[in-house]
Amino acid sequence: YVQWHGMYEVAERFYIELVPQFLEVVEKAE
């Protein structure tokens, strides 16, 4: 639960989803 159900999914969610979606929102606002 620390690794595969936890930090692995946290990292994937942060780098591969949150950051790109953040940039999309910013680009739309700009």
PDB file of all heavy atoms in Angstrom:
ATOM      1  N   TYR A   1       0.822  -1.210   0.000  1.00  0.00           N
ATOM      2  CA  TYR A   1       0.000   0.000   0.000  1.00  0.00           C
ATOM      3  C   TYR A   1       0.858   1.263   0.000  1.00  0.00           C
ATOM      4  O   TYR A   1       0.428   2.301  -0.494  1.00  0.00           O
ATOM      5  CB  TYR A   1      -0.972  -0.010   1.192  1.00  0.00           C
ATOM      6  CG  TYR A   1      -2.204  -0.821   0.884  1.00  0.00           C
ATOM      7  CD1 TYR A   1      -2.236  -2.189   1.139  1.00  0.00           C
ATOM      8  CD2 TYR A   1      -3.321  -0.235   0.307  1.00  0.00           C
ATOM      9  CE1 TYR A   1      -3.355  -2.943   0.831  1.00  0.00           C
ATOM     10  CE2 TYR A   1      -4.443  -0.977  -0.002  1.00  0.00           C
ATOM     11  CZ  TYR A   1      -4.450  -2.339   0.257  1.00  0.00           C
ATOM     12  OH  TYR A   1      -5.569  -3.079  -0.063  1.00  0.00           O
ATOM     13  N   VAL A   2       2.044   1.181   0.534  1.00  0.00           N
ATOM     14  CA  VAL A   2       2.963   2.329   0.454  1.00  0.00           C
ATOM     15  C   VAL A   2       3.425   2.513  -0.986  1.00  0.00           C
ATOM     16  O   VAL A   2       3.420   3.634  -1.507  1.00  0.00           O
ATOM     17  CB  VAL A   2       4.186   2.120   1.369  1.00  0.00           C
ATOM     18  CG1 VAL A   2       5.174   3.277   1.190  1.00  0.00           C
ATOM     19  CG2 VAL A   2       3.764   2.017   2.829  1.00  0.00           C
ATOM     20  N   GLN A   3       3.770   1.410  -1.636  1.00  0.00           N
ATOM     21  CA  GLN A   3       4.361   1.473  -2.964  1.00  0.00           C
ATOM     22  C   GLN A   3       3.308   1.473  -4.082  1.00  0.00           C
ATOM     23  O   GLN A   3       2.924   2.515  -4.587  1.00  0.00           O
ATOM     24  CB  GLN A   3       5.349   0.309  -3.139  1.00  0.00           C
ATOM     25  CG  GLN A   3       5.876   0.092  -4.560  1.00  0.00           C
ATOM     26  CD  GLN A   3       6.651   1.273  -5.123  1.00  0.00           C
ATOM     27  OE1 GLN A   3       6.992   2.211  -4.412  1.00  0.00           O
ATOM     28  NE2 GLN A   3       6.916   1.235  -6.422  1.00  0.00           N
ATOM     29  N   TRP A   4       2.804   0.298  -4.455  1.00  0.00           N
ATOM     30  CA  TRP A   4       2.010   0.204  -5.674  1.00  0.00           C
ATOM     31  C   TRP A   4       0.621   0.814  -5.555  1.00  0.00           C
ATOM     32  O   TRP A   4       0.091   1.357  -6.540  1.00  0.00           O
ATOM     33  CB  TRP A   4       1.916  -1.259  -6.126  1.00  0.00           C
ATOM     34  CG  TRP A   4       3.257  -1.824  -6.459  1.00  0.00           C
ATOM     35  CD1 TRP A   4       3.911  -2.833  -5.816  1.00  0.00           C
ATOM     36  CD2 TRP A   4       4.145  -1.365  -7.485  1.00  0.00           C
ATOM     37  NE1 TRP A   4       5.145  -3.043  -6.386  1.00  0.00           N
ATOM     38  CE2 TRP A   4       5.312  -2.161  -7.419  1.00  0.00           C
ATOM     39  CE3 TRP A   4       4.080  -0.371  -8.458  1.00  0.00           C
ATOM     40  CZ2 TRP A   4       6.391  -1.993  -8.277  1.00  0.00           C
ATOM     41  CZ3 TRP A   4       5.147  -0.202  -9.321  1.00  0.00           C
ATOM     42  CH2 TRP A   4       6.288  -0.996  -9.229  1.00  0.00           C
ATOM     43  N   HIS A   5      -0.005   0.742  -4.393  1.00  0.00           N
ATOM     44  CA  HIS A   5      -1.302   1.391  -4.198  1.00  0.00           C
ATOM     45  C   HIS A   5      -1.137   2.819  -3.683  1.00  0.00           C
ATOM     46  O   HIS A   5      -2.143   3.503  -3.486  1.00  0.00           O
ATOM     47  CB  HIS A   5      -2.158   0.601  -3.197  1.00  0.00           C
ATOM     48  CG  HIS A   5      -2.548  -0.757  -3.677  1.00  0.00           C
ATOM     49  ND1 HIS A   5      -3.232  -0.970  -4.861  1.00  0.00           N
ATOM     50  CD2 HIS A   5      -2.353  -1.991  -3.147  1.00  0.00           C
ATOM     51  CE1 HIS A   5      -3.444  -2.260  -5.031  1.00  0.00           C
ATOM     52  NE2 HIS A   5      -2.911  -2.902  -4.004  1.00  0.00           N
ATOM     53  N   GLY A   6       0.102   3.240  -3.437  1.00  0.00           N
ATOM     54  CA  GLY A   6       0.341   4.533  -2.823  1.00  0.00           C
ATOM     55  C   GLY A   6       1.236   5.454  -3.626  1.00  0.00           C
ATOM     56  O   GLY A   6       0.777   6.119  -4.564  1.00  0.00           O
ATOM     57  N   MET A   7       2.527   5.495  -3.272  1.00  0.00           N
ATOM     58  CA  MET A   7       3.419   6.503  -3.846  1.00  0.00           C
ATOM     59  C   MET A   7       3.587   6.362  -5.363  1.00  0.00           C
ATOM     60  O   MET A   7       3.751   7.361  -6.067  1.00  0.00           O
ATOM     61  CB  MET A   7       4.775   6.441  -3.151  1.00  0.00           C
ATOM     62  CG  MET A   7       4.728   6.863  -1.686  1.00  0.00           C
ATOM     63  SD  MET A   7       4.066   8.533  -1.403  1.00  0.00           S
ATOM     64  CE  MET A   7       5.400   9.535  -2.053  1.00  0.00           C
ATOM     65  N   TYR A   8       3.544   5.142  -5.867  1.00  0.00           N
ATOM     66  CA  TYR A   8       3.613   4.948  -7.318  1.00  0.00           C
ATOM     67  C   TYR A   8       2.463   5.681  -8.001  1.00  0.00           C
ATOM     68  O   TYR A   8       2.660   6.410  -8.992  1.00  0.00           O
ATOM     69  CB  TYR A   8       3.565   3.455  -7.643  1.00  0.00           C
ATOM     70  CG  TYR A   8       3.264   3.148  -9.086  1.00  0.00           C
ATOM     71  CD1 TYR A   8       4.256   3.231 -10.063  1.00  0.00           C
ATOM     72  CD2 TYR A   8       1.976   2.789  -9.489  1.00  0.00           C
ATOM     73  CE1 TYR A   8       3.981   2.956 -11.399  1.00  0.00           C
ATOM     74  CE2 TYR A   8       1.689   2.510 -10.815  1.00  0.00           C
ATOM     75  CZ  TYR A   8       2.687   2.591 -11.763  1.00  0.00           C
ATOM     76  OH  TYR A   8       2.405   2.325 -13.084  1.00  0.00           O
ATOM     77  N   GLU A   9       1.246   5.513  -7.472  1.00  0.00           N
ATOM     78  CA  GLU A   9       0.085   6.154  -8.076  1.00  0.00           C
ATOM     79  C   GLU A   9       0.067   7.657  -7.814  1.00  0.00           C
ATOM     80  O   GLU A   9      -0.416   8.424  -8.642  1.00  0.00           O
ATOM     81  CB  GLU A   9      -1.192   5.481  -7.578  1.00  0.00           C
ATOM     82  CG  GLU A   9      -1.297   4.040  -8.069  1.00  0.00           C
ATOM     83  CD  GLU A   9      -2.659   3.417  -7.825  1.00  0.00           C
ATOM     84  OE1 GLU A   9      -3.379   3.899  -6.917  1.00  0.00           O
ATOM     85  OE2 GLU A   9      -2.996   2.467  -8.543  1.00  0.00           O
ATOM     86  N   VAL A  10       0.587   8.066  -6.666  1.00  0.00           N
ATOM     87  CA  VAL A  10       0.727   9.505  -6.390  1.00  0.00           C
ATOM     88  C   VAL A  10       1.626  10.149  -7.446  1.00  0.00           C
ATOM     89  O   VAL A  10       1.298  11.196  -8.025  1.00  0.00           O
ATOM     90  CB  VAL A  10       1.305   9.744  -4.980  1.00  0.00           C
ATOM     91  CG1 VAL A  10       1.730  11.201  -4.814  1.00  0.00           C
ATOM     92  CG2 VAL A  10       0.290   9.385  -3.908  1.00  0.00           C
ATOM     93  N   ALA A  11       2.778   9.531  -7.709  1.00  0.00           N
ATOM     94  CA  ALA A  11       3.742  10.072  -8.676  1.00  0.00           C
ATOM     95  C   ALA A  11       3.154  10.106 -10.077  1.00  0.00           C
ATOM     96  O   ALA A  11       3.273  11.108 -10.802  1.00  0.00           O
ATOM     97  CB  ALA A  11       5.029   9.242  -8.650  1.00  0.00           C
ATOM     98  N   GLU A  12       2.520   8.992 -10.468  1.00  0.00           N
ATOM     99  CA  GLU A  12       1.913   8.948 -11.803  1.00  0.00           C
ATOM    100  C   GLU A  12       0.854  10.036 -11.951  1.00  0.00           C
ATOM    101  O   GLU A  12       0.774  10.720 -12.959  1.00  0.00           O
ATOM    102  CB  GLU A  12       1.304   7.561 -12.032  1.00  0.00           C
ATOM    103  CG  GLU A  12       0.797   7.322 -13.449  1.00  0.00           C
ATOM    104  CD  GLU A  12      -0.623   7.802 -13.683  1.00  0.00           C
ATOM    105  OE1 GLU A  12      -1.378   7.974 -12.694  1.00  0.00           O
ATOM    106  OE2 GLU A  12      -0.997   8.011 -14.855  1.00  0.00           O
ATOM    107  N   ARG A  13       0.047  10.196 -10.925  1.00  0.00           N
ATOM    108  CA  ARG A  13      -1.028  11.184 -10.952  1.00  0.00           C
ATOM    109  C   ARG A  13      -0.450  12.604 -11.041  1.00  0.00           C
ATOM    110  O   ARG A  13      -0.973  13.467 -11.753  1.00  0.00           O
ATOM    111  CB  ARG A  13      -1.892  11.041  -9.696  1.00  0.00           C
ATOM    112  CG  ARG A  13      -3.197  11.796  -9.735  1.00  0.00           C
ATOM    113  CD  ARG A  13      -4.249  11.118 -10.563  1.00  0.00           C
ATOM    114  NE  ARG A  13      -4.671   9.846 -10.024  1.00  0.00           N
ATOM    115  CZ  ARG A  13      -5.609   9.079 -10.576  1.00  0.00           C
ATOM    116  NH1 ARG A  13      -6.218   9.476 -11.678  1.00  0.00           N
ATOM    117  NH2 ARG A  13      -5.940   7.916 -10.033  1.00  0.00           N
ATOM    118  N   PHE A  14       0.643  12.852 -10.330  1.00  0.00           N
ATOM    119  CA  PHE A  14       1.241  14.189 -10.295  1.00  0.00           C
ATOM    120  C   PHE A  14       1.894  14.546 -11.632  1.00  0.00           C
ATOM    121  O   PHE A  14       1.582  15.586 -12.231  1.00  0.00           O
ATOM    122  CB  PHE A  14       2.277  14.267  -9.168  1.00  0.00           C
ATOM    123  CG  PHE A  14       2.904  15.616  -8.999  1.00  0.00           C
ATOM    124  CD1 PHE A  14       2.296  16.589  -8.221  1.00  0.00           C
ATOM    125  CD2 PHE A  14       4.112  15.934  -9.612  1.00  0.00           C
ATOM    126  CE1 PHE A  14       2.872  17.853  -8.055  1.00  0.00           C
ATOM    127  CE2 PHE A  14       4.707  17.179  -9.454  1.00  0.00           C
ATOM    128  CZ  PHE A  14       4.077  18.149  -8.676  1.00  0.00           C
ATOM    129  N   TYR A  15       2.805  13.694 -12.086  1.00  0.00           N
ATOM    130  CA  TYR A  15       3.598  14.034 -13.272  1.00  0.00           C
ATOM    131  C   TYR A  15       2.841  13.864 -14.586  1.00  0.00           C
ATOM    132  O   TYR A  15       2.972  14.695 -15.495  1.00  0.00           O
ATOM    133  CB  TYR A  15       4.856  13.153 -13.325  1.00  0.00           C
ATOM    134  CG  TYR A  15       5.853  13.438 -12.233  1.00  0.00           C
ATOM    135  CD1 TYR A  15       6.180  12.472 -11.294  1.00  0.00           C
ATOM    136  CD2 TYR A  15       6.491  14.680 -12.138  1.00  0.00           C
ATOM    137  CE1 TYR A  15       7.102  12.710 -10.289  1.00  0.00           C
ATOM    138  CE2 TYR A  15       7.420  14.936 -11.137  1.00  0.00           C
ATOM    139  CZ  TYR A  15       7.717  13.947 -10.212  1.00  0.00           C
ATOM    140  OH  TYR A  15       8.634  14.213  -9.216  1.00  0.00           O
ATOM    141  N   ILE A  16       2.044  12.817 -14.697  1.00  0.00           N
ATOM    142  CA  ILE A  16       1.438  12.470 -15.984  1.00  0.00           C
ATOM    143  C   ILE A  16       0.037  13.033 -16.149  1.00  0.00           C
ATOM    144  O   ILE A  16      -0.465  13.140 -17.277  1.00  0.00           O
ATOM    145  CB  ILE A  16       1.420  10.924 -16.156  1.00  0.00           C
ATOM    146  CG1 ILE A  16       2.814  10.347 -15.916  1.00  0.00           C
ATOM    147  CG2 ILE A  16       0.931  10.517 -17.526  1.00  0.00           C
ATOM    148  CD1 ILE A  16       3.907  10.978 -16.802  1.00  0.00           C
ATOM    149  N   GLU A  17      -0.603  13.445 -15.048  1.00  0.00           N
ATOM    150  CA  GLU A  17      -1.945  14.011 -15.159  1.00  0.00           C
ATOM    151  C   GLU A  17      -2.037  15.439 -14.624  1.00  0.00           C
ATOM    152  O   GLU A  17      -2.481  16.343 -15.325  1.00  0.00           O
ATOM    153  CB  GLU A  17      -2.946  13.107 -14.430  1.00  0.00           C
ATOM    154  CG  GLU A  17      -3.065  11.718 -15.052  1.00  0.00           C
ATOM    155  CD  GLU A  17      -4.164  10.894 -14.426  1.00  0.00           C
ATOM    156  OE1 GLU A  17      -5.245  11.443 -14.142  1.00  0.00           O
ATOM    157  OE2 GLU A  17      -3.946   9.688 -14.205  1.00  0.00           O
ATOM    158  N   LEU A  18      -1.630  15.652 -13.374  1.00  0.00           N
ATOM    159  CA  LEU A  18      -1.826  16.968 -12.763  1.00  0.00           C
ATOM    160  C   LEU A  18      -1.038  18.061 -13.483  1.00  0.00           C
ATOM    161  O   LEU A  18      -1.588  19.120 -13.814  1.00  0.00           O
ATOM    162  CB  LEU A  18      -1.429  16.926 -11.280  1.00  0.00           C
ATOM    163  CG  LEU A  18      -1.766  18.196 -10.483  1.00  0.00           C
ATOM    164  CD1 LEU A  18      -3.280  18.298 -10.270  1.00  0.00           C
ATOM    165  CD2 LEU A  18      -1.070  18.210  -9.128  1.00  0.00           C
ATOM    166  N   VAL A  19       0.246  17.829 -13.751  1.00  0.00           N
ATOM    167  CA  VAL A  19       1.072  18.857 -14.394  1.00  0.00           C
ATOM    168  C   VAL A  19       0.583  19.171 -15.808  1.00  0.00           C
ATOM    169  O   VAL A  19       0.393  20.360 -16.147  1.00  0.00           O
ATOM    170  CB  VAL A  19       2.564  18.444 -14.381  1.00  0.00           C
ATOM    171  CG1 VAL A  19       3.385  19.380 -15.271  1.00  0.00           C
ATOM    172  CG2 VAL A  19       3.105  18.468 -12.951  1.00  0.00           C
ATOM    173  N   PRO A  20       0.355  18.167 -16.668  1.00  0.00           N
ATOM    174  CA  PRO A  20      -0.163  18.494 -18.004  1.00  0.00           C
ATOM    175  C   PRO A  20      -1.527  19.188 -17.970  1.00  0.00           C
ATOM    176  O   PRO A  20      -1.769  20.128 -18.749  1.00  0.00           O
ATOM    177  CB  PRO A  20      -0.268  17.117 -18.682  1.00  0.00           C
ATOM    178  CG  PRO A  20       0.713  16.265 -17.973  1.00  0.00           C
ATOM    179  CD  PRO A  20       0.681  16.728 -16.555  1.00  0.00           C
ATOM    180  N   GLN A  21      -2.420  18.749 -17.087  1.00  0.00           N
ATOM    181  CA  GLN A  21      -3.733  19.385 -16.990  1.00  0.00           C
ATOM    182  C   GLN A  21      -3.610  20.817 -16.476  1.00  0.00           C
ATOM    183  O   GLN A  21      -4.354  21.714 -16.908  1.00  0.00           O
ATOM    184  CB  GLN A  21      -4.650  18.567 -16.081  1.00  0.00           C
ATOM    185  CG  GLN A  21      -5.080  17.245 -16.685  1.00  0.00           C
ATOM    186  CD  GLN A  21      -5.743  16.311 -15.686  1.00  0.00           C
ATOM    187  OE1 GLN A  21      -6.138  16.731 -14.585  1.00  0.00           O
ATOM    188  NE2 GLN A  21      -5.858  15.043 -16.036  1.00  0.00           N
ATOM    189  N   PHE A  22      -2.671  21.041 -15.568  1.00  0.00           N
ATOM    190  CA  PHE A  22      -2.403  22.387 -15.071  1.00  0.00           C
ATOM    191  C   PHE A  22      -2.007  23.305 -16.225  1.00  0.00           C
ATOM    192  O   PHE A  22      -2.528  24.419 -16.358  1.00  0.00           O
ATOM    193  CB  PHE A  22      -1.288  22.324 -14.028  1.00  0.00           C
ATOM    194  CG  PHE A  22      -0.856  23.661 -13.487  1.00  0.00           C
ATOM    195  CD1 PHE A  22      -1.525  24.257 -12.428  1.00  0.00           C
ATOM    196  CD2 PHE A  22       0.231  24.333 -14.044  1.00  0.00           C
ATOM    197  CE1 PHE A  22      -1.123  25.491 -11.931  1.00  0.00           C
ATOM    198  CE2 PHE A  22       0.639  25.558 -13.548  1.00  0.00           C
ATOM    199  CZ  PHE A  22      -0.043  26.147 -12.485  1.00  0.00           C
ATOM    200  N   LEU A  23      -1.107  22.838 -17.063  1.00  0.00           N
ATOM    201  CA  LEU A  23      -0.648  23.642 -18.207  1.00  0.00           C
ATOM    202  C   LEU A  23      -1.769  23.893 -19.200  1.00  0.00           C
ATOM    203  O   LEU A  23      -1.848  24.982 -19.795  1.00  0.00           O
ATOM    204  CB  LEU A  23       0.530  22.948 -18.882  1.00  0.00           C
ATOM    205  CG  LEU A  23       1.841  22.944 -18.077  1.00  0.00           C
ATOM    206  CD1 LEU A  23       2.875  22.049 -18.733  1.00  0.00           C
ATOM    207  CD2 LEU A  23       2.374  24.365 -17.908  1.00  0.00           C
ATOM    208  N   GLU A  24      -2.662  22.924 -19.377  1.00  0.00           N
ATOM    209  CA  GLU A  24      -3.805  23.119 -20.273  1.00  0.00           C
ATOM    210  C   GLU A  24      -4.727  24.215 -19.743  1.00  0.00           C
ATOM    211  O   GLU A  24      -5.201  25.071 -20.511  1.00  0.00           O
ATOM    212  CB  GLU A  24      -4.587  21.808 -20.408  1.00  0.00           C
ATOM    213  CG  GLU A  24      -3.893  20.741 -21.240  1.00  0.00           C
ATOM    214  CD  GLU A  24      -4.700  19.456 -21.285  1.00  0.00           C
ATOM    215  OE1 GLU A  24      -5.878  19.478 -20.870  1.00  0.00           O
ATOM    216  OE2 GLU A  24      -4.151  18.442 -21.744  1.00  0.00           O
ATOM    217  N   VAL A  25      -4.994  24.191 -18.445  1.00  0.00           N
ATOM    218  CA  VAL A  25      -5.854  25.204 -17.843  1.00  0.00           C
ATOM    219  C   VAL A  25      -5.219  26.587 -17.981  1.00  0.00           C
ATOM    220  O   VAL A  25      -5.895  27.572 -18.312  1.00  0.00           O
ATOM    221  CB  VAL A  25      -6.128  24.873 -16.360  1.00  0.00           C
ATOM    222  CG1 VAL A  25      -6.863  26.028 -15.674  1.00  0.00           C
ATOM    223  CG2 VAL A  25      -6.939  23.595 -16.228  1.00  0.00           C
ATOM    224  N   VAL A  26      -3.919  26.654 -17.735  1.00  0.00           N
ATOM    225  CA  VAL A  26      -3.202  27.934 -17.832  1.00  0.00           C
ATOM    226  C   VAL A  26      -3.213  28.458 -19.269  1.00  0.00           C
ATOM    227  O   VAL A  26      -3.441  29.653 -19.515  1.00  0.00           O
ATOM    228  CB  VAL A  26      -1.760  27.772 -17.318  1.00  0.00           C
ATOM    229  CG1 VAL A  26      -0.936  29.032 -17.608  1.00  0.00           C
ATOM    230  CG2 VAL A  26      -1.756  27.470 -15.818  1.00  0.00           C
ATOM    231  N   GLU A  27      -2.977  27.559 -20.200  1.00  0.00           N
ATOM    232  CA  GLU A  27      -2.969  27.967 -21.618  1.00  0.00           C
ATOM    233  C   GLU A  27      -4.340  28.485 -22.051  1.00  0.00           C
ATOM    234  O   GLU A  27      -4.453  29.484 -22.781  1.00  0.00           O
ATOM    235  CB  GLU A  27      -2.564  26.774 -22.480  1.00  0.00           C
ATOM    236  CG  GLU A  27      -2.417  27.119 -23.960  1.00  0.00           C
ATOM    237  CD  GLU A  27      -1.949  25.942 -24.787  1.00  0.00           C
ATOM    238  OE1 GLU A  27      -1.453  24.958 -24.205  1.00  0.00           O
ATOM    239  OE2 GLU A  27      -2.077  26.013 -26.025  1.00  0.00           O
ATOM    240  N   LYS A  28      -5.389  27.820 -21.589  1.00  0.00           N
ATOM    241  CA  LYS A  28      -6.748  28.258 -21.913  1.00  0.00           C
ATOM    242  C   LYS A  28      -7.023  29.635 -21.328  1.00  0.00           C
ATOM    243  O   LYS A  28      -7.614  30.511 -21.999  1.00  0.00           O
ATOM    244  CB  LYS A  28      -7.753  27.238 -21.372  1.00  0.00           C
ATOM    245  CG  LYS A  28      -9.199  27.586 -21.673  1.00  0.00           C
ATOM    246  CD  LYS A  28     -10.136  26.517 -21.112  1.00  0.00           C
ATOM    247  CE  LYS A  28     -11.603  26.898 -21.354  1.00  0.00           C
ATOM    248  NZ  LYS A  28     -12.519  25.858 -20.781  1.00  0.00           N
ATOM    249  N   ALA A  29      -6.593  29.845 -20.060  1.00  0.00           N
ATOM    250  CA  ALA A  29      -6.796  31.151 -19.422  1.00  0.00           C
ATOM    251  C   ALA A  29      -6.032  32.239 -20.163  1.00  0.00           C
ATOM    252  O   ALA A  29      -6.536  33.357 -20.354  1.00  0.00           O
ATOM    253  CB  ALA A  29      -6.348  31.081 -17.967  1.00  0.00           C
ATOM    254  N   GLU A  30      -4.811  31.924 -20.589  1.00  0.00           N
ATOM    255  CA  GLU A  30      -3.996  32.895 -21.336  1.00  0.00           C
ATOM    256  C   GLU A  30      -4.657  33.238 -22.662  1.00  0.00           C
ATOM    257  O   GLU A  30      -4.687  34.417 -23.081  1.00  0.00           O
ATOM    258  CB  GLU A  30      -2.605  32.314 -21.563  1.00  0.00           C
ATOM    259  CG  GLU A  30      -1.620  33.293 -22.192  1.00  0.00           C
ATOM    260  CD  GLU A  30      -0.241  32.679 -22.315  1.00  0.00           C
ATOM    261  OE1 GLU A  30      -0.150  31.485 -22.721  1.00  0.00           O
ATOM    262  OE2 GLU A  30       0.740  33.375 -21.991  1.00  0.00           O
TER     263      GLU A  30
END
